[in-house]
Amino acid sequence: MSETPTNAAAAAAALRARAARLDAEDELAKLRERFALPEDLVYLDGNSLGALPAGVAATTADVVTRQWGQELIRSWSEGTWWTAPERIGDRIAPLIGAAPGQTVVGDSTSVNLFKALVGAARLAGEGRTDLLVDAATFPTDGYIAASAARMTGLRVVPVDPDRAAESFGPSTAVVLLNHVDYRTGRLHDLPALTAAARAAGAVTVWDLCHSAGSLPVELDENAVDLAVGCTYKYLNGGPGSPAYLYIAARHQRDFDSPLPGWNGHADPFAMTPGFSPAEGAVRGRVGTPDILSMLALETALDAWEGVTVEAVRAKSLALTDFFLECVAAYVPAGTVESVTPAAHAERGSQVSLRTGNASAVMAELIARGVVGDFRAPDVLRFGFTPLYVGFADAELAARTLGDVLTTS
């Protein structure tokens, strides 16, 4: 900063006062009470692991001590266990713009992505050769895509999501894209890219890990074919909480999962040697679901009661705008570069800053009570979860970053 100490102090005081006013006016500010968060911590890593919703501990204790400990196996037939994957899927559905009956919860994102990609290749039919994959995708997505391509005889073609539509054509079988880039926070144009893929006759698979719960997705409205996502980031389901698989209703009858397990059978307790898939998205189930994590996730979703994704998106953009403004005010010029787009239409709910010695900088931030994360080689990531992050958090995080970079 070029200001004199007096001017810098006045500017900082003005930003703190503005943050306090914005928090006082924020209709979502009271939602922080729905989470068990340390008072002295600025938590900006909800894009990796969401905070603990207040009711989850009690639910987990009940599942362990009563439902498992006392009811034992009766909890499958007389309790809520058996229907959990589709029931919880229907609770997630409004957050991803899906009608009921199209979303099933279970397995990991990677497993669901494998089901979706192989299923998409089978839906695409013969005569198409290419599986187009976001070139900057999270590494596991790339690994899974390569395996699915080997299994289905397709060829993996990396594409830049900003120019992906130029590659869609008669040879394109499947298109796998991330709604938000995990490194940069760039939001890709799901409506336009889905429409272009559909016009080319391709089947779309979207990875929603870094968008669902932070911004409107609208799968049904945009005629997305298949989608997957995790639940431990903006949905706050807990470490390793089960992921979800969306199968558009129009594809469910023909969706052929490469992992046909007994839980996805039309009559799972008949124990027949041949597999007959269940109707609807339930055919996306495989094996026995992880009930402890599943029911913790169900309670975690209570944090969304009375909250609209549109209100969350509005606050997310306001928070990230304010954080970038504070960074510009507090951080020495030339020490950081934002790699997150400034345009709202291209921004998810995180801010990624490139800086030298980023790993050590993030370690020092965490030591000072500001928790973000580091992505190699030089990116600081700050995730803004509007359900529990406020404007004072954004101001303090930027001010602390400025102090670290000034003294390092």
Protein backbone atom coordinates (compact mmCIF):
# COMPACT_ATOMS: atom_id res chain seq x y z
CA MET A 1 0.00 0.00 0.00
CA SER A 2 1.21 3.52 -0.77
CA GLU A 3 -0.82 5.36 1.89
CA THR A 4 0.76 6.97 4.90
CA PRO A 5 0.27 5.06 8.18
CA THR A 6 -2.50 7.47 9.20
CA ASN A 7 -4.35 7.08 5.89
CA ALA A 8 -3.87 3.31 5.94
CA ALA A 9 -5.32 3.11 9.44
CA ALA A 10 -8.30 5.21 8.42
CA ALA A 11 -8.89 3.04 5.35
CA ALA A 12 -8.72 -0.11 7.48
CA ALA A 13 -11.16 1.35 9.99
CA ALA A 14 -13.54 2.21 7.17
CA LEU A 15 -13.39 -1.32 5.79
CA ARG A 16 -14.01 -2.83 9.25
CA ALA A 17 -16.97 -0.51 9.78
CA ARG A 18 -18.37 -1.40 6.37
CA ALA A 19 -17.97 -5.11 7.10
CA ALA A 20 -19.88 -4.69 10.36
CA ARG A 21 -22.68 -2.84 8.55
CA LEU A 22 -22.89 -5.47 5.82
CA ASP A 23 -23.07 -8.26 8.41
CA ALA A 24 -25.82 -6.40 10.28
CA GLU A 25 -27.83 -6.09 7.06
CA ASP A 26 -27.21 -9.68 5.94
CA GLU A 27 -30.36 -11.83 6.03
CA LEU A 28 -28.23 -14.99 6.08
CA ALA A 29 -25.94 -13.94 8.95
CA LYS A 30 -28.05 -15.73 11.56
CA LEU A 31 -27.44 -19.05 9.79
CA ARG A 32 -23.97 -19.23 11.33
CA GLU A 33 -25.78 -20.36 14.49
CA ARG A 34 -26.63 -23.57 12.66
CA PHE A 35 -22.95 -24.57 12.68
CA ALA A 36 -20.47 -25.55 15.37
CA LEU A 37 -17.58 -23.24 14.51
CA PRO A 38 -14.81 -21.95 16.79
CA GLU A 39 -15.40 -18.28 17.61
CA ASP A 40 -11.77 -17.26 17.06
CA LEU A 41 -11.39 -18.81 13.61
CA VAL A 42 -11.97 -17.43 10.12
CA TYR A 43 -12.85 -20.55 8.17
CA LEU A 44 -12.43 -20.11 4.41
CA ASP A 45 -11.89 -23.74 3.44
CA GLY A 46 -15.50 -24.86 3.05
CA ASN A 47 -14.73 -25.54 -0.61
CA SER A 48 -12.64 -28.47 0.71
CA LEU A 49 -14.53 -29.47 3.86
CA GLY A 50 -17.67 -27.76 5.07
CA ALA A 51 -18.18 -26.83 8.71
CA LEU A 52 -20.02 -29.10 11.16
CA PRO A 53 -23.79 -28.42 11.26
CA ALA A 54 -25.00 -28.18 14.83
CA GLY A 55 -27.40 -31.15 14.77
CA VAL A 56 -25.07 -33.73 13.27
CA ALA A 57 -23.42 -34.85 16.50
CA ALA A 58 -26.77 -35.71 18.10
CA THR A 59 -27.95 -37.55 14.98
CA THR A 60 -24.76 -39.58 14.79
CA ALA A 61 -25.06 -40.50 18.47
CA ASP A 62 -28.66 -41.62 17.92
CA VAL A 63 -27.76 -43.70 14.87
CA VAL A 64 -25.01 -45.44 16.82
CA THR A 65 -26.66 -45.91 20.21
CA ARG A 66 -30.33 -46.42 19.33
CA GLN A 67 -30.76 -47.25 15.65
CA TRP A 68 -27.75 -49.57 15.52
CA GLY A 69 -27.20 -50.39 19.18
CA GLN A 70 -30.81 -51.13 20.15
CA GLU A 71 -32.85 -51.55 16.97
CA LEU A 72 -30.07 -53.47 15.24
CA ILE A 73 -31.10 -54.95 11.89
CA ARG A 74 -34.69 -53.76 12.34
CA SER A 75 -33.50 -50.29 11.37
CA TRP A 76 -33.25 -51.55 7.79
CA SER A 77 -36.84 -52.75 7.58
CA GLU A 78 -38.66 -50.75 10.25
CA GLY A 79 -36.53 -47.62 10.33
CA THR A 80 -35.25 -45.15 7.75
CA TRP A 81 -32.09 -46.84 6.54
CA TRP A 82 -33.19 -48.59 3.36
CA THR A 83 -34.69 -45.58 1.60
CA ALA A 84 -31.94 -43.14 2.63
CA PRO A 85 -30.11 -42.95 -0.76
CA GLU A 86 -33.12 -41.77 -2.74
CA ARG A 87 -34.73 -39.84 0.14
CA ILE A 88 -31.60 -37.76 0.71
CA GLY A 89 -31.15 -37.45 -3.05
CA ASP A 90 -34.52 -35.75 -3.20
CA ARG A 91 -33.39 -33.31 -0.51
CA ILE A 92 -30.32 -32.40 -2.54
CA ALA A 93 -32.36 -32.12 -5.74
CA PRO A 94 -33.62 -28.53 -5.19
CA LEU A 95 -30.03 -27.38 -4.63
CA ILE A 96 -29.01 -28.66 -8.08
CA GLY A 97 -32.19 -27.69 -9.92
CA ALA A 98 -33.58 -31.20 -10.25
CA ALA A 99 -37.08 -32.58 -9.85
CA PRO A 100 -37.55 -35.47 -7.40
CA GLY A 101 -36.69 -39.00 -8.46
CA GLN A 102 -33.50 -38.18 -10.39
CA THR A 103 -30.82 -38.03 -7.70
CA VAL A 104 -29.47 -40.91 -5.64
CA VAL A 105 -26.89 -40.64 -2.86
CA GLY A 106 -24.14 -43.16 -2.22
CA ASP A 107 -20.55 -44.12 -3.00
CA SER A 108 -17.84 -41.52 -3.68
CA THR A 109 -17.73 -38.89 -6.40
CA SER A 110 -15.14 -40.96 -8.24
CA VAL A 111 -17.31 -44.09 -8.21
CA ASN A 112 -20.35 -42.12 -9.34
CA LEU A 113 -18.31 -40.47 -12.08
CA PHE A 114 -17.25 -43.89 -13.36
CA LYS A 115 -20.90 -44.99 -13.45
CA ALA A 116 -21.90 -41.78 -15.21
CA LEU A 117 -19.17 -41.85 -17.86
CA VAL A 118 -19.62 -45.49 -18.82
CA GLY A 119 -23.39 -45.07 -18.68
CA ALA A 120 -23.10 -41.95 -20.87
CA ALA A 121 -20.96 -43.80 -23.42
CA ARG A 122 -23.59 -46.53 -23.61
CA LEU A 123 -26.32 -43.93 -24.03
CA ALA A 124 -24.38 -42.26 -26.84
CA GLY A 125 -24.39 -45.48 -28.83
CA GLU A 126 -22.11 -46.69 -31.59
CA GLY A 127 -20.33 -44.62 -34.21
CA ARG A 128 -18.90 -41.97 -31.90
CA THR A 129 -15.31 -42.13 -30.78
CA ASP A 130 -14.43 -39.28 -28.44
CA LEU A 131 -14.75 -38.60 -24.72
CA LEU A 132 -14.05 -34.89 -24.27
CA VAL A 133 -12.62 -34.02 -20.86
CA ASP A 134 -11.94 -30.68 -19.17
CA ALA A 135 -8.16 -30.33 -19.60
CA ALA A 136 -7.82 -28.62 -16.19
CA THR A 137 -10.02 -31.10 -14.37
CA PHE A 138 -9.38 -32.41 -10.88
CA PRO A 139 -6.85 -35.22 -11.42
CA THR A 140 -9.13 -38.05 -10.28
CA ASP A 141 -11.72 -37.06 -12.86
CA GLY A 142 -9.03 -37.50 -15.49
CA TYR A 143 -8.00 -40.88 -14.13
CA ILE A 144 -11.60 -42.10 -14.08
CA ALA A 145 -12.23 -40.76 -17.58
CA ALA A 146 -9.20 -42.62 -18.92
CA SER A 147 -10.41 -45.85 -17.34
CA ALA A 148 -13.96 -45.37 -18.64
CA ALA A 149 -12.57 -44.69 -22.11
CA ARG A 150 -10.54 -47.91 -22.07
CA MET A 151 -13.62 -49.84 -21.02
CA THR A 152 -15.88 -48.35 -23.70
CA GLY A 153 -13.41 -48.03 -26.56
CA LEU A 154 -13.49 -44.24 -26.62
CA ARG A 155 -10.60 -41.83 -27.06
CA VAL A 156 -9.97 -39.18 -24.38
CA VAL A 157 -9.68 -35.68 -25.88
CA PRO A 158 -8.66 -32.88 -23.44
CA VAL A 159 -10.44 -29.57 -24.10
CA ASP A 160 -10.33 -26.06 -22.70
CA PRO A 161 -13.82 -25.49 -21.23
CA ASP A 162 -13.80 -21.89 -22.50
CA ARG A 163 -13.43 -23.22 -26.06
CA ALA A 164 -14.89 -26.69 -25.64
CA ALA A 165 -17.90 -26.10 -27.88
CA GLU A 166 -15.55 -25.67 -30.84
CA SER A 167 -14.57 -29.34 -30.41
CA PHE A 168 -18.10 -30.77 -30.32
CA GLY A 169 -19.01 -32.69 -33.44
CA PRO A 170 -20.27 -35.97 -34.92
CA SER A 171 -17.44 -37.93 -33.30
CA THR A 172 -18.20 -36.64 -29.79
CA ALA A 173 -19.83 -39.28 -27.62
CA VAL A 174 -19.49 -37.84 -24.10
CA VAL A 175 -18.51 -34.46 -22.67
CA LEU A 176 -17.18 -34.28 -19.08
CA LEU A 177 -16.80 -30.79 -17.63
CA ASN A 178 -16.45 -29.18 -14.21
CA HIS A 179 -18.99 -26.50 -13.38
CA VAL A 180 -16.36 -24.62 -11.34
CA ASP A 181 -12.61 -25.07 -11.73
CA TYR A 182 -11.18 -26.29 -8.43
CA ARG A 183 -7.95 -24.30 -8.73
CA THR A 184 -9.10 -20.94 -10.04
CA GLY A 185 -12.75 -20.74 -9.06
CA ARG A 186 -13.75 -20.04 -12.67
CA LEU A 187 -17.44 -20.76 -13.33
CA HIS A 188 -18.04 -22.38 -16.69
CA ASP A 189 -21.12 -21.77 -18.82
CA LEU A 190 -23.21 -24.86 -18.12
CA PRO A 191 -26.30 -23.74 -20.09
CA ALA A 192 -24.39 -22.85 -23.27
CA LEU A 193 -22.01 -25.80 -23.17
CA THR A 194 -24.82 -28.27 -22.49
CA ALA A 195 -26.86 -26.85 -25.35
CA ALA A 196 -23.89 -27.07 -27.72
CA ALA A 197 -23.17 -30.67 -26.71
CA ARG A 198 -26.81 -31.61 -27.15
CA ALA A 199 -26.86 -30.01 -30.62
CA ALA A 200 -23.87 -32.19 -31.52
CA GLY A 201 -25.66 -35.31 -30.29
CA ALA A 202 -23.30 -35.83 -27.33
CA VAL A 203 -24.16 -36.86 -23.78
CA THR A 204 -23.13 -34.44 -21.02
CA VAL A 205 -21.70 -35.29 -17.61
CA TRP A 206 -21.13 -32.38 -15.22
CA ASP A 207 -19.01 -32.44 -12.06
CA LEU A 208 -20.74 -30.16 -9.53
CA CYS A 209 -18.35 -30.58 -6.60
CA HIS A 210 -17.39 -26.90 -6.48
CA SER A 211 -20.74 -25.38 -7.40
CA ALA A 212 -23.62 -27.24 -5.74
CA GLY A 213 -24.61 -25.40 -2.59
CA SER A 214 -22.94 -22.16 -3.58
CA LEU A 215 -24.83 -21.11 -6.72
CA PRO A 216 -27.84 -22.12 -8.85
CA VAL A 217 -27.13 -25.12 -11.08
CA GLU A 218 -30.49 -25.82 -12.84
CA LEU A 219 -29.85 -29.28 -14.26
CA ASP A 220 -33.41 -29.88 -15.42
CA GLU A 221 -33.86 -26.45 -16.94
CA ASN A 222 -30.73 -26.88 -19.04
CA ALA A 223 -31.41 -30.50 -20.04
CA VAL A 224 -28.23 -31.86 -18.50
CA ASP A 225 -27.97 -35.63 -19.04
CA LEU A 226 -25.93 -36.81 -16.05
CA ALA A 227 -24.16 -35.13 -13.13
CA VAL A 228 -22.17 -36.04 -10.06
CA GLY A 229 -21.05 -34.18 -6.98
CA CYS A 230 -19.70 -34.50 -3.48
CA THR A 231 -21.54 -33.48 -0.32
CA TYR A 232 -18.70 -32.58 2.04
CA LYS A 233 -17.93 -29.13 0.63
CA TYR A 234 -20.75 -26.57 0.40
CA LEU A 235 -23.34 -29.14 1.52
CA ASN A 236 -21.45 -29.71 4.80
CA GLY A 237 -22.01 -33.46 4.96
CA GLY A 238 -18.75 -34.25 6.76
CA PRO A 239 -15.46 -35.87 5.78
CA GLY A 240 -16.03 -38.64 3.25
CA SER A 241 -19.78 -38.12 3.20
CA PRO A 242 -21.45 -39.94 0.29
CA ALA A 243 -21.66 -38.34 -3.10
CA TYR A 244 -24.66 -38.16 -5.45
CA LEU A 245 -25.50 -39.19 -8.98
CA TYR A 246 -28.10 -37.36 -11.09
CA ILE A 247 -29.72 -39.30 -13.94
CA ALA A 248 -32.16 -37.23 -15.99
CA ALA A 249 -35.59 -38.85 -16.05
CA ARG A 250 -35.53 -39.23 -19.84
CA HIS A 251 -32.42 -41.44 -19.60
CA GLN A 252 -33.29 -43.60 -16.62
CA ARG A 253 -34.85 -46.49 -18.53
CA ASP A 254 -31.76 -46.81 -20.74
CA PHE A 255 -29.08 -46.00 -18.17
CA ASP A 256 -26.83 -49.07 -17.99
CA SER A 257 -24.56 -48.83 -14.96
CA PRO A 258 -21.18 -50.56 -15.17
CA LEU A 259 -21.55 -51.40 -11.45
CA PRO A 260 -24.79 -53.37 -11.14
CA GLY A 261 -25.04 -54.07 -7.43
CA TRP A 262 -27.78 -55.71 -5.40
CA ASN A 263 -28.98 -52.35 -4.04
CA GLY A 264 -29.78 -51.25 -7.58
CA HIS A 265 -31.71 -54.43 -8.40
CA ALA A 266 -35.43 -54.27 -9.13
CA ASP A 267 -35.98 -56.91 -6.42
CA PRO A 268 -32.87 -56.77 -4.24
CA PHE A 269 -33.99 -59.41 -1.74
CA ALA A 270 -34.92 -61.99 -4.38
CA MET A 271 -31.20 -62.78 -4.69
CA THR A 272 -31.56 -63.91 -8.30
CA PRO A 273 -28.42 -64.67 -10.31
CA GLY A 274 -29.37 -62.30 -13.12
CA PHE A 275 -29.42 -58.51 -12.73
CA SER A 276 -32.63 -56.60 -13.45
CA PRO A 277 -32.18 -52.86 -12.83
CA ALA A 278 -34.59 -50.98 -10.61
CA GLU A 279 -36.79 -48.30 -12.07
CA GLY A 280 -35.63 -44.71 -11.90
CA ALA A 281 -32.46 -43.28 -10.40
CA VAL A 282 -32.41 -46.09 -7.84
CA ARG A 283 -30.61 -48.19 -10.45
CA GLY A 284 -27.62 -45.98 -9.70
CA ARG A 285 -27.28 -47.64 -6.28
CA VAL A 286 -24.65 -50.36 -5.94
CA GLY A 287 -23.92 -51.89 -2.55
CA THR A 288 -25.00 -51.40 1.04
CA PRO A 289 -24.92 -47.66 1.81
CA ASP A 290 -22.76 -46.12 4.52
CA ILE A 291 -25.54 -45.40 6.98
CA LEU A 292 -23.47 -43.49 9.55
CA SER A 293 -22.30 -40.93 6.96
CA MET A 294 -25.58 -41.04 5.07
CA LEU A 295 -27.74 -40.03 8.03
CA ALA A 296 -25.20 -37.45 9.19
CA LEU A 297 -25.56 -35.89 5.74
CA GLU A 298 -29.33 -35.93 6.01
CA THR A 299 -29.19 -33.89 9.21
CA ALA A 300 -26.52 -31.60 7.74
CA LEU A 301 -28.99 -30.64 5.02
CA ASP A 302 -31.26 -29.19 7.72
CA ALA A 303 -28.96 -26.16 7.62
CA TRP A 304 -30.66 -25.30 4.30
CA GLU A 305 -34.15 -25.04 5.79
CA GLY A 306 -35.76 -21.81 4.57
CA VAL A 307 -32.70 -20.84 2.50
CA THR A 308 -32.72 -20.28 -1.26
CA VAL A 309 -29.76 -20.94 -3.50
CA GLU A 310 -30.39 -17.55 -5.10
CA ALA A 311 -29.87 -15.77 -1.75
CA VAL A 312 -26.71 -17.78 -1.17
CA ARG A 313 -25.40 -16.83 -4.61
CA ALA A 314 -26.08 -13.13 -4.03
CA LYS A 315 -24.16 -13.20 -0.74
CA SER A 316 -21.35 -15.25 -2.28
CA LEU A 317 -20.74 -12.65 -4.95
CA ALA A 318 -20.93 -9.82 -2.41
CA LEU A 319 -18.46 -11.60 -0.13
CA THR A 320 -15.95 -12.35 -2.85
CA ASP A 321 -16.23 -8.81 -4.23
CA PHE A 322 -15.60 -7.38 -0.77
CA PHE A 323 -12.70 -9.73 -0.11
CA LEU A 324 -11.00 -8.73 -3.36
CA GLU A 325 -11.52 -5.07 -2.47
CA CYS A 326 -9.93 -5.65 0.95
CA VAL A 327 -7.03 -7.55 -0.63
CA ALA A 328 -6.39 -4.57 -2.91
CA ALA A 329 -6.38 -2.28 0.13
CA TYR A 330 -4.26 -4.37 2.49
CA VAL A 331 -1.87 -6.46 0.42
CA PRO A 332 1.36 -4.89 -0.87
CA ALA A 333 1.09 -4.13 -4.57
CA GLY A 334 2.52 -6.79 -6.85
CA THR A 335 2.66 -9.57 -4.24
CA VAL A 336 -0.52 -11.39 -5.28
CA GLU A 337 -2.43 -11.93 -8.51
CA SER A 338 -6.05 -13.05 -8.60
CA VAL A 339 -6.60 -15.97 -10.94
CA THR A 340 -10.33 -15.95 -10.21
CA PRO A 341 -12.37 -14.08 -12.82
CA ALA A 342 -13.65 -10.65 -11.83
CA ALA A 343 -16.86 -11.09 -13.81
CA HIS A 344 -19.71 -12.46 -11.71
CA ALA A 345 -20.89 -14.70 -14.54
CA GLU A 346 -17.50 -16.45 -14.50
CA ARG A 347 -16.90 -16.72 -10.75
CA GLY A 348 -17.75 -19.53 -8.36
CA SER A 349 -17.65 -19.06 -4.59
CA GLN A 350 -13.91 -18.96 -4.04
CA VAL A 351 -11.04 -16.58 -4.65
CA SER A 352 -7.69 -17.95 -5.74
CA LEU A 353 -4.62 -15.77 -5.42
CA ARG A 354 -1.25 -16.56 -6.94
CA THR A 355 1.78 -15.58 -4.87
CA GLY A 356 5.37 -16.58 -4.25
CA ASN A 357 6.06 -19.08 -1.48
CA ALA A 358 2.33 -19.77 -1.31
CA SER A 359 2.64 -22.89 0.83
CA ALA A 360 4.47 -21.04 3.60
CA VAL A 361 2.10 -18.08 3.35
CA MET A 362 -0.93 -20.30 3.85
CA ALA A 363 0.74 -22.08 6.75
CA GLU A 364 1.29 -18.72 8.45
CA LEU A 365 -2.30 -17.64 7.76
CA ILE A 366 -3.57 -20.83 9.39
CA ALA A 367 -1.27 -20.26 12.35
CA ARG A 368 -2.90 -16.83 12.75
CA GLY A 369 -6.43 -18.24 12.64
CA VAL A 370 -7.34 -17.75 8.97
CA VAL A 371 -7.91 -21.14 7.36
CA GLY A 372 -7.78 -21.41 3.58
CA ASP A 373 -5.76 -23.86 1.55
CA PHE A 374 -2.85 -24.15 -0.87
CA ARG A 375 -2.76 -25.66 -4.33
CA ALA A 376 0.58 -26.34 -5.98
CA PRO A 377 2.58 -24.66 -7.15
CA ASP A 378 1.61 -21.14 -6.08
CA VAL A 379 -2.12 -20.71 -5.39
CA LEU A 380 -3.84 -19.63 -2.17
CA ARG A 381 -7.52 -20.68 -2.18
CA PHE A 382 -10.17 -18.99 -0.07
CA GLY A 383 -13.62 -20.57 -0.13
CA PHE A 384 -16.65 -18.49 0.85
CA THR A 385 -19.57 -20.49 2.23
CA PRO A 386 -22.35 -17.92 2.71
CA LEU A 387 -24.21 -20.00 5.28
CA TYR A 388 -21.52 -19.30 7.87
CA VAL A 389 -18.95 -16.85 6.46
CA GLY A 390 -19.49 -13.13 7.03
CA PHE A 391 -18.06 -9.87 5.77
CA ALA A 392 -16.00 -9.34 8.93
CA ASP A 393 -14.38 -12.71 8.17
CA ALA A 394 -13.50 -11.52 4.67
CA GLU A 395 -12.01 -8.26 5.97
CA LEU A 396 -9.96 -9.95 8.68
CA ALA A 397 -8.68 -12.59 6.26
CA ALA A 398 -7.48 -9.97 3.78
CA ARG A 399 -5.94 -7.85 6.55
CA THR A 400 -4.09 -10.86 7.95
CA LEU A 401 -2.86 -11.77 4.47
CA GLY A 402 -1.56 -8.24 4.09
CA ASP A 403 0.29 -8.50 7.40
CA VAL A 404 1.83 -11.85 6.44
CA LEU A 405 3.03 -10.61 3.06
CA THR A 406 4.33 -7.36 4.54
CA THR A 407 6.41 -9.05 7.19
CA SER A 408 7.56 -12.13 5.27
